[in-house]
C-alpha atoms as a PDB file:
ATOM      1  CA  UNK A   1     -29.606 -11.304  17.761  1.00  0.00           C
ATOM      2  CA  UNK A   2     -27.213 -10.601  20.630  1.00  0.00           C
ATOM      3  CA  UNK A   3     -23.563 -11.453  19.944  1.00  0.00           C
ATOM      4  CA  UNK A   4     -22.117 -14.468  21.716  1.00  0.00           C
ATOM      5  CA  UNK A   5     -20.049 -13.672  24.827  1.00  0.00           C
ATOM      6  CA  UNK A   6     -16.274 -13.996  24.541  1.00  0.00           C
ATOM      7  CA  UNK A   7     -14.749 -17.358  25.492  1.00  0.00           C
ATOM      8  CA  UNK A   8     -14.133 -17.759  29.214  1.00  0.00           C
ATOM      9  CA  UNK A   9     -10.573 -18.508  30.296  1.00  0.00           C
ATOM     10  CA  UNK A  10      -9.231 -19.568  33.674  1.00  0.00           C
ATOM     11  CA  UNK A  11      -5.658 -18.310  34.093  1.00  0.00           C
ATOM     12  CA  UNK A  12      -3.703 -20.027  36.883  1.00  0.00           C
ATOM     13  CA  UNK A  13      -0.577 -17.920  37.436  1.00  0.00           C
ATOM     14  CA  UNK A  14       1.083 -17.015  40.750  1.00  0.00           C
ATOM     15  CA  UNK A  15       3.414 -14.262  39.509  1.00  0.00           C
ATOM     16  CA  UNK A  16       1.924 -11.042  41.025  1.00  0.00           C
ATOM     17  CA  UNK A  17       2.978  -8.965  38.017  1.00  0.00           C
ATOM     18  CA  UNK A  18       2.632 -11.411  35.114  1.00  0.00           C
ATOM     19  CA  UNK A  19      -0.761 -12.800  36.123  1.00  0.00           C
ATOM     20  CA  UNK A  20      -2.709  -9.503  36.041  1.00  0.00           C
ATOM     21  CA  UNK A  21      -0.749  -8.355  32.967  1.00  0.00           C
ATOM     22  CA  UNK A  22      -1.614 -11.530  31.033  1.00  0.00           C
ATOM     23  CA  UNK A  23      -5.266 -11.194  32.018  1.00  0.00           C
ATOM     24  CA  UNK A  24      -5.241  -7.581  30.828  1.00  0.00           C
ATOM     25  CA  UNK A  25      -3.619  -8.487  27.495  1.00  0.00           C
ATOM     26  CA  UNK A  26      -6.243 -11.179  26.839  1.00  0.00           C
ATOM     27  CA  UNK A  27      -9.192  -9.062  28.003  1.00  0.00           C
ATOM     28  CA  UNK A  28     -10.134  -7.694  24.540  1.00  0.00           C
ATOM     29  CA  UNK A  29     -10.915 -11.223  23.296  1.00  0.00           C
ATOM     30  CA  UNK A  30     -11.608 -13.341  26.398  1.00  0.00           C
ATOM     31  CA  UNK A  31     -13.330 -13.255  29.773  1.00  0.00           C
ATOM     32  CA  UNK A  32     -10.398 -14.045  32.078  1.00  0.00           C
ATOM     33  CA  UNK A  33     -10.529 -15.186  35.711  1.00  0.00           C
ATOM     34  CA  UNK A  34      -7.191 -15.241  37.533  1.00  0.00           C
ATOM     35  CA  UNK A  35      -6.294 -17.879  40.141  1.00  0.00           C
ATOM     36  CA  UNK A  36      -3.028 -17.386  42.020  1.00  0.00           C
ATOM     37  CA  UNK A  37      -2.213 -20.909  43.229  1.00  0.00           C
ATOM     38  CA  UNK A  38      -2.695 -24.518  42.201  1.00  0.00           C
ATOM     39  CA  UNK A  39      -5.389 -25.401  44.726  1.00  0.00           C
ATOM     40  CA  UNK A  40      -7.563 -22.439  43.769  1.00  0.00           C
ATOM     41  CA  UNK A  41      -7.038 -23.244  40.082  1.00  0.00           C
ATOM     42  CA  UNK A  42      -8.061 -26.869  40.581  1.00  0.00           C
ATOM     43  CA  UNK A  43     -11.150 -25.870  42.577  1.00  0.00           C
ATOM     44  CA  UNK A  44     -12.299 -23.394  39.899  1.00  0.00           C
ATOM     45  CA  UNK A  45     -11.471 -25.846  37.114  1.00  0.00           C
ATOM     46  CA  UNK A  46     -13.610 -28.539  38.734  1.00  0.00           C
ATOM     47  CA  UNK A  47     -16.559 -26.422  39.876  1.00  0.00           C
ATOM     48  CA  UNK A  48     -17.029 -23.984  36.986  1.00  0.00           C
ATOM     49  CA  UNK A  49     -17.267 -24.261  33.215  1.00  0.00           C
ATOM     50  CA  UNK A  50     -14.523 -22.727  31.060  1.00  0.00           C
ATOM     51  CA  UNK A  51     -13.752 -22.563  27.362  1.00  0.00           C
ATOM     52  CA  UNK A  52      -9.999 -22.861  27.999  1.00  0.00           C
ATOM     53  CA  UNK A  53      -7.484 -23.056  30.833  1.00  0.00           C
ATOM     54  CA  UNK A  54      -4.001 -21.508  31.028  1.00  0.00           C
ATOM     55  CA  UNK A  55      -1.903 -23.171  33.717  1.00  0.00           C
ATOM     56  CA  UNK A  56       1.583 -22.283  34.916  1.00  0.00           C
ATOM     57  CA  UNK A  57       3.908 -25.126  35.895  1.00  0.00           C
ATOM     58  CA  UNK A  58       5.531 -23.840  39.080  1.00  0.00           C
ATOM     59  CA  UNK A  59       2.489 -23.046  41.217  1.00  0.00           C
ATOM     60  CA  UNK A  60       2.338 -22.817  45.019  1.00  0.00           C
ATOM     61  CA  UNK A  61       0.022 -25.198  46.816  1.00  0.00           C
ATOM     62  CA  UNK A  62      -0.225 -27.648  43.927  1.00  0.00           C
ATOM     63  CA  UNK A  63       2.107 -27.971  40.937  1.00  0.00           C
ATOM     64  CA  UNK A  64       0.678 -27.264  37.484  1.00  0.00           C
ATOM     65  CA  UNK A  65       1.217 -30.861  36.345  1.00  0.00           C
ATOM     66  CA  UNK A  66      -0.713 -32.082  39.386  1.00  0.00           C
ATOM     67  CA  UNK A  67      -3.545 -29.671  38.599  1.00  0.00           C
ATOM     68  CA  UNK A  68      -3.775 -30.905  34.999  1.00  0.00           C
ATOM     69  CA  UNK A  69      -3.603 -34.553  36.056  1.00  0.00           C
ATOM     70  CA  UNK A  70      -6.387 -34.058  38.604  1.00  0.00           C
ATOM     71  CA  UNK A  71      -8.609 -32.231  36.116  1.00  0.00           C
ATOM     72  CA  UNK A  72      -8.255 -34.987  33.530  1.00  0.00           C
ATOM     73  CA  UNK A  73      -8.750 -37.688  36.150  1.00  0.00           C
ATOM     74  CA  UNK A  74     -12.081 -36.058  37.039  1.00  0.00           C
ATOM     75  CA  UNK A  75     -13.113 -36.059  33.383  1.00  0.00           C
ATOM     76  CA  UNK A  76     -12.740 -32.321  32.689  1.00  0.00           C
ATOM     77  CA  UNK A  77     -12.360 -32.052  28.873  1.00  0.00           C
ATOM     78  CA  UNK A  78     -11.605 -28.319  28.724  1.00  0.00           C
ATOM     79  CA  UNK A  79      -8.594 -27.526  26.502  1.00  0.00           C
ATOM     80  CA  UNK A  80      -5.506 -26.642  28.530  1.00  0.00           C
ATOM     81  CA  UNK A  81      -2.518 -24.516  27.536  1.00  0.00           C
ATOM     82  CA  UNK A  82       0.594 -24.721  29.717  1.00  0.00           C
ATOM     83  CA  UNK A  83       2.386 -21.369  30.037  1.00  0.00           C
ATOM     84  CA  UNK A  84       5.745 -21.714  31.752  1.00  0.00           C
ATOM     85  CA  UNK A  85       9.420 -20.813  31.814  1.00  0.00           C
ATOM     86  CA  UNK A  86      10.314 -24.528  31.587  1.00  0.00           C
ATOM     87  CA  UNK A  87      11.064 -24.891  27.900  1.00  0.00           C
ATOM     88  CA  UNK A  88      13.119 -28.071  27.685  1.00  0.00           C
ATOM     89  CA  UNK A  89      11.720 -30.759  25.406  1.00  0.00           C
ATOM     90  CA  UNK A  90      11.295 -33.241  28.237  1.00  0.00           C
ATOM     91  CA  UNK A  91       9.278 -30.665  30.187  1.00  0.00           C
ATOM     92  CA  UNK A  92       6.993 -30.075  27.202  1.00  0.00           C
ATOM     93  CA  UNK A  93       6.520 -33.818  26.805  1.00  0.00           C
ATOM     94  CA  UNK A  94       5.684 -34.138  30.492  1.00  0.00           C
ATOM     95  CA  UNK A  95       3.078 -31.387  30.297  1.00  0.00           C
ATOM     96  CA  UNK A  96       1.445 -32.742  27.155  1.00  0.00           C
ATOM     97  CA  UNK A  97       1.460 -36.300  28.481  1.00  0.00           C
ATOM     98  CA  UNK A  98      -0.276 -35.087  31.652  1.00  0.00           C
ATOM     99  CA  UNK A  99      -3.211 -33.928  29.522  1.00  0.00           C
ATOM    100  CA  UNK A 100      -2.361 -30.453  28.217  1.00  0.00           C
ATOM    101  CA  UNK A 101      -3.356 -29.570  24.646  1.00  0.00           C
ATOM    102  CA  UNK A 102      -0.703 -26.920  24.008  1.00  0.00           C
ATOM    103  CA  UNK A 103       2.507 -25.599  25.579  1.00  0.00           C
ATOM    104  CA  UNK A 104       4.051 -22.118  25.454  1.00  0.00           C
ATOM    105  CA  UNK A 105       7.199 -20.873  27.126  1.00  0.00           C
ATOM    106  CA  UNK A 106       7.851 -17.524  28.801  1.00  0.00           C
ATOM    107  CA  UNK A 107       8.552 -14.870  27.711  1.00  0.00           C
ATOM    108  CA  UNK A 108       5.663 -15.060  25.264  1.00  0.00           C
ATOM    109  CA  UNK A 109       4.004 -12.934  22.604  1.00  0.00           C
ATOM    110  CA  UNK A 110       0.488 -11.866  23.613  1.00  0.00           C
ATOM    111  CA  UNK A 111      -0.860 -12.056  20.057  1.00  0.00           C
ATOM    112  CA  UNK A 112       0.402 -15.626  19.675  1.00  0.00           C
ATOM    113  CA  UNK A 113      -1.103 -16.629  23.028  1.00  0.00           C
ATOM    114  CA  UNK A 114      -4.491 -15.204  22.000  1.00  0.00           C
ATOM    115  CA  UNK A 115      -4.297 -16.964  18.631  1.00  0.00           C
ATOM    116  CA  UNK A 116      -3.472 -20.293  20.280  1.00  0.00           C
ATOM    117  CA  UNK A 117      -6.432 -19.874  22.635  1.00  0.00           C
ATOM    118  CA  UNK A 118      -8.730 -19.159  19.700  1.00  0.00           C
ATOM    119  CA  UNK A 119      -7.436 -22.284  17.973  1.00  0.00           C
ATOM    120  CA  UNK A 120      -8.022 -24.362  21.117  1.00  0.00           C
ATOM    121  CA  UNK A 121     -11.557 -23.093  21.637  1.00  0.00           C
ATOM    122  CA  UNK A 122     -12.418 -23.559  17.956  1.00  0.00           C
ATOM    123  CA  UNK A 123     -11.295 -27.168  18.232  1.00  0.00           C
ATOM    124  CA  UNK A 124     -14.000 -27.791  20.823  1.00  0.00           C
ATOM    125  CA  UNK A 125     -16.799 -25.888  19.102  1.00  0.00           C
ATOM    126  CA  UNK A 126     -19.132 -27.297  16.482  1.00  0.00           C
ATOM    127  CA  UNK A 127     -18.230 -25.658  13.174  1.00  0.00           C
ATOM    128  CA  UNK A 128     -20.901 -23.342  11.782  1.00  0.00           C
ATOM    129  CA  UNK A 129     -23.027 -24.779   8.997  1.00  0.00           C
ATOM    130  CA  UNK A 130     -22.502 -21.641   6.918  1.00  0.00           C
ATOM    131  CA  UNK A 131     -20.902 -18.208   7.099  1.00  0.00           C
ATOM    132  CA  UNK A 132     -22.023 -15.153   5.158  1.00  0.00           C
ATOM    133  CA  UNK A 133     -19.784 -12.475   3.657  1.00  0.00           C
ATOM    134  CA  UNK A 134     -21.244  -9.969   1.238  1.00  0.00           C
ATOM    135  CA  UNK A 135     -23.371 -11.772  -1.340  1.00  0.00           C
ATOM    136  CA  UNK A 136     -21.649 -15.073  -0.608  1.00  0.00           C
ATOM    137  CA  UNK A 137     -22.159 -17.988   1.777  1.00  0.00           C
ATOM    138  CA  UNK A 138     -19.374 -20.343   2.813  1.00  0.00           C
ATOM    139  CA  UNK A 139     -20.077 -23.973   3.700  1.00  0.00           C
ATOM    140  CA  UNK A 140     -16.909 -24.951   5.633  1.00  0.00           C
ATOM    141  CA  UNK A 141     -17.795 -28.647   5.733  1.00  0.00           C
ATOM    142  CA  UNK A 142     -18.318 -28.861   1.967  1.00  0.00           C
ATOM    143  CA  UNK A 143     -15.469 -26.404   1.302  1.00  0.00           C
ATOM    144  CA  UNK A 144     -17.633 -24.473  -1.131  1.00  0.00           C
ATOM    145  CA  UNK A 145     -18.619 -20.808  -1.441  1.00  0.00           C
ATOM    146  CA  UNK A 146     -21.825 -19.808  -3.237  1.00  0.00           C
ATOM    147  CA  UNK A 147     -23.206 -16.411  -4.187  1.00  0.00           C
ATOM    148  CA  UNK A 148     -26.844 -15.353  -4.146  1.00  0.00           C
ATOM    149  CA  UNK A 149     -26.582 -15.034  -7.932  1.00  0.00           C
ATOM    150  CA  UNK A 150     -25.736 -18.692  -8.458  1.00  0.00           C
ATOM    151  CA  UNK A 151     -21.951 -18.519  -8.712  1.00  0.00           C
ATOM    152  CA  UNK A 152     -19.981 -21.207  -6.917  1.00  0.00           C
ATOM    153  CA  UNK A 153     -16.342 -21.756  -5.955  1.00  0.00           C
ATOM    154  CA  UNK A 154     -14.740 -24.998  -4.805  1.00  0.00           C
ATOM    155  CA  UNK A 155     -12.043 -24.422  -2.182  1.00  0.00           C
ATOM    156  CA  UNK A 156      -9.125 -26.381  -0.835  1.00  0.00           C
ATOM    157  CA  UNK A 157      -9.127 -27.306   2.849  1.00  0.00           C
ATOM    158  CA  UNK A 158      -6.760 -24.470   3.772  1.00  0.00           C
ATOM    159  CA  UNK A 159      -8.594 -21.929   1.630  1.00  0.00           C
ATOM    160  CA  UNK A 160     -11.841 -22.884   3.354  1.00  0.00           C
ATOM    161  CA  UNK A 161     -10.249 -22.695   6.832  1.00  0.00           C
ATOM    162  CA  UNK A 162      -8.733 -19.295   6.075  1.00  0.00           C
ATOM    163  CA  UNK A 163     -11.977 -17.897   4.709  1.00  0.00           C
ATOM    164  CA  UNK A 164     -13.950 -19.309   7.649  1.00  0.00           C
ATOM    165  CA  UNK A 165     -11.483 -17.770  10.111  1.00  0.00           C
ATOM    166  CA  UNK A 166     -11.950 -14.310   8.603  1.00  0.00           C
ATOM    167  CA  UNK A 167     -15.715 -14.607   8.045  1.00  0.00           C
ATOM    168  CA  UNK A 168     -16.383 -15.767  11.614  1.00  0.00           C
ATOM    169  CA  UNK A 169     -15.064 -12.430  12.945  1.00  0.00           C
ATOM    170  CA  UNK A 170     -15.848  -9.875  10.216  1.00  0.00           C
ATOM    171  CA  UNK A 171     -14.813  -6.856  12.299  1.00  0.00           C
ATOM    172  CA  UNK A 172     -11.411  -8.305  13.175  1.00  0.00           C
ATOM    173  CA  UNK A 173      -8.169  -7.723  11.307  1.00  0.00           C
ATOM    174  CA  UNK A 174      -5.974 -10.836  11.478  1.00  0.00           C
ATOM    175  CA  UNK A 175      -2.210 -10.507  11.257  1.00  0.00           C
ATOM    176  CA  UNK A 176      -0.311 -12.962   9.068  1.00  0.00           C
ATOM    177  CA  UNK A 177       1.157 -14.505  12.226  1.00  0.00           C
ATOM    178  CA  UNK A 178      -2.299 -15.095  13.702  1.00  0.00           C
ATOM    179  CA  UNK A 179      -3.483 -16.719  10.473  1.00  0.00           C
ATOM    180  CA  UNK A 180      -0.370 -18.908  10.356  1.00  0.00           C
ATOM    181  CA  UNK A 181      -0.995 -20.109  13.913  1.00  0.00           C
ATOM    182  CA  UNK A 182      -4.700 -20.763  13.392  1.00  0.00           C
ATOM    183  CA  UNK A 183      -4.695 -22.303   9.903  1.00  0.00           C
ATOM    184  CA  UNK A 184      -1.202 -23.396   8.904  1.00  0.00           C
ATOM    185  CA  UNK A 185       1.857 -24.962  10.516  1.00  0.00           C
ATOM    186  CA  UNK A 186       4.154 -22.956  12.827  1.00  0.00           C
ATOM    187  CA  UNK A 187       7.075 -23.679  10.494  1.00  0.00           C
ATOM    188  CA  UNK A 188       5.289 -22.179   7.467  1.00  0.00           C
ATOM    189  CA  UNK A 189       6.135 -18.662   6.286  1.00  0.00           C
ATOM    190  CA  UNK A 190       3.803 -15.694   6.000  1.00  0.00           C
ATOM    191  CA  UNK A 191       4.126 -15.899   2.218  1.00  0.00           C
ATOM    192  CA  UNK A 192       1.865 -18.939   2.332  1.00  0.00           C
ATOM    193  CA  UNK A 193      -0.902 -16.765   3.770  1.00  0.00           C
ATOM    194  CA  UNK A 194      -0.501 -14.270   0.921  1.00  0.00           C
ATOM    195  CA  UNK A 195      -0.631 -17.097  -1.629  1.00  0.00           C
ATOM    196  CA  UNK A 196      -3.908 -18.476  -0.258  1.00  0.00           C
ATOM    197  CA  UNK A 197      -5.431 -14.999  -0.112  1.00  0.00           C
ATOM    198  CA  UNK A 198      -4.491 -14.558  -3.777  1.00  0.00           C
ATOM    199  CA  UNK A 199      -6.190 -17.860  -4.659  1.00  0.00           C
ATOM    200  CA  UNK A 200      -9.366 -16.892  -2.783  1.00  0.00           C
ATOM    201  CA  UNK A 201      -9.543 -13.593  -4.632  1.00  0.00           C
ATOM    202  CA  UNK A 202      -9.156 -15.396  -7.973  1.00  0.00           C
ATOM    203  CA  UNK A 203     -11.858 -17.945  -7.151  1.00  0.00           C
ATOM    204  CA  UNK A 204     -14.420 -15.607  -5.565  1.00  0.00           C
ATOM    205  CA  UNK A 205     -13.686 -11.899  -5.966  1.00  0.00           C
ATOM    206  CA  UNK A 206     -10.865  -9.441  -5.408  1.00  0.00           C
ATOM    207  CA  UNK A 207     -13.065  -8.021  -2.653  1.00  0.00           C
ATOM    208  CA  UNK A 208     -13.399 -11.369  -0.861  1.00  0.00           C
ATOM    209  CA  UNK A 209     -10.434 -10.587   1.399  1.00  0.00           C
ATOM    210  CA  UNK A 210      -9.430  -7.043   2.271  1.00  0.00           C
ATOM    211  CA  UNK A 211      -5.811  -6.055   2.898  1.00  0.00           C
ATOM    212  CA  UNK A 212      -5.377  -3.735   5.880  1.00  0.00           C
ATOM    213  CA  UNK A 213      -1.945  -2.293   5.189  1.00  0.00           C
ATOM    214  CA  UNK A 214       0.508  -2.735   8.021  1.00  0.00           C
ATOM    215  CA  UNK A 215      -1.870  -4.980   9.972  1.00  0.00           C
ATOM    216  CA  UNK A 216      -3.013  -7.991   7.948  1.00  0.00           C
ATOM    217  CA  UNK A 217      -6.216  -9.281   6.398  1.00  0.00           C
ATOM    218  CA  UNK A 218      -9.938  -8.931   7.022  1.00  0.00           C
ATOM    219  CA  UNK A 219     -12.987 -10.495   5.402  1.00  0.00           C
ATOM    220  CA  UNK A 220     -14.254  -8.357   2.535  1.00  0.00           C
ATOM    221  CA  UNK A 221     -17.709  -7.629   1.150  1.00  0.00           C
ATOM    222  CA  UNK A 222     -17.803  -9.123  -2.356  1.00  0.00           C
ATOM    223  CA  UNK A 223     -20.784  -8.450  -4.588  1.00  0.00           C
ATOM    224  CA  UNK A 224     -21.479  -9.956  -7.995  1.00  0.00           C
END
């Protein structure tokens, strides 16, 4: 079976240096189309299908807030992340109230931006009925992992989310920061990730989650 294509992202950014750079940084994980002003961004947002939108606030032609408002008024449900230098609380509130789903300020970390986009696109995808890793299957809805040899492990909500995150992309190594953004709260510490990995290894197998030293964690290949 052919792998699914990467999520498509419309990036609306007028900065001639930052726009292409952001598109390049996201290219390993997303199919990115760059629009350089608000009117072009609105046209592409209305006429084409996207998995996520990244919209700057201070756009020529049509302000980012106006673009978001128009998209929502036309019934476009695509998740929107505002990426802007305007970081005051009232500006964040204004962007979110206009219909954005997330808000990041410049300068930004590329890994965090990619993780937030993955979280946004997962929110709008139907969760898989099961995920396979080694001899085990994970049922995210039931929060239970079962092996082909009849063993079973009941998981907490966060353990299930963490395991599903890793199992959905078996070739990917997730940093602790990416896991924190996708599964936990931004205010949590990376030690919480290590704790949940420890619990998963106790419940399933030490090989359930592999440590990639200096990088993070990856789904393992546990066998009974």
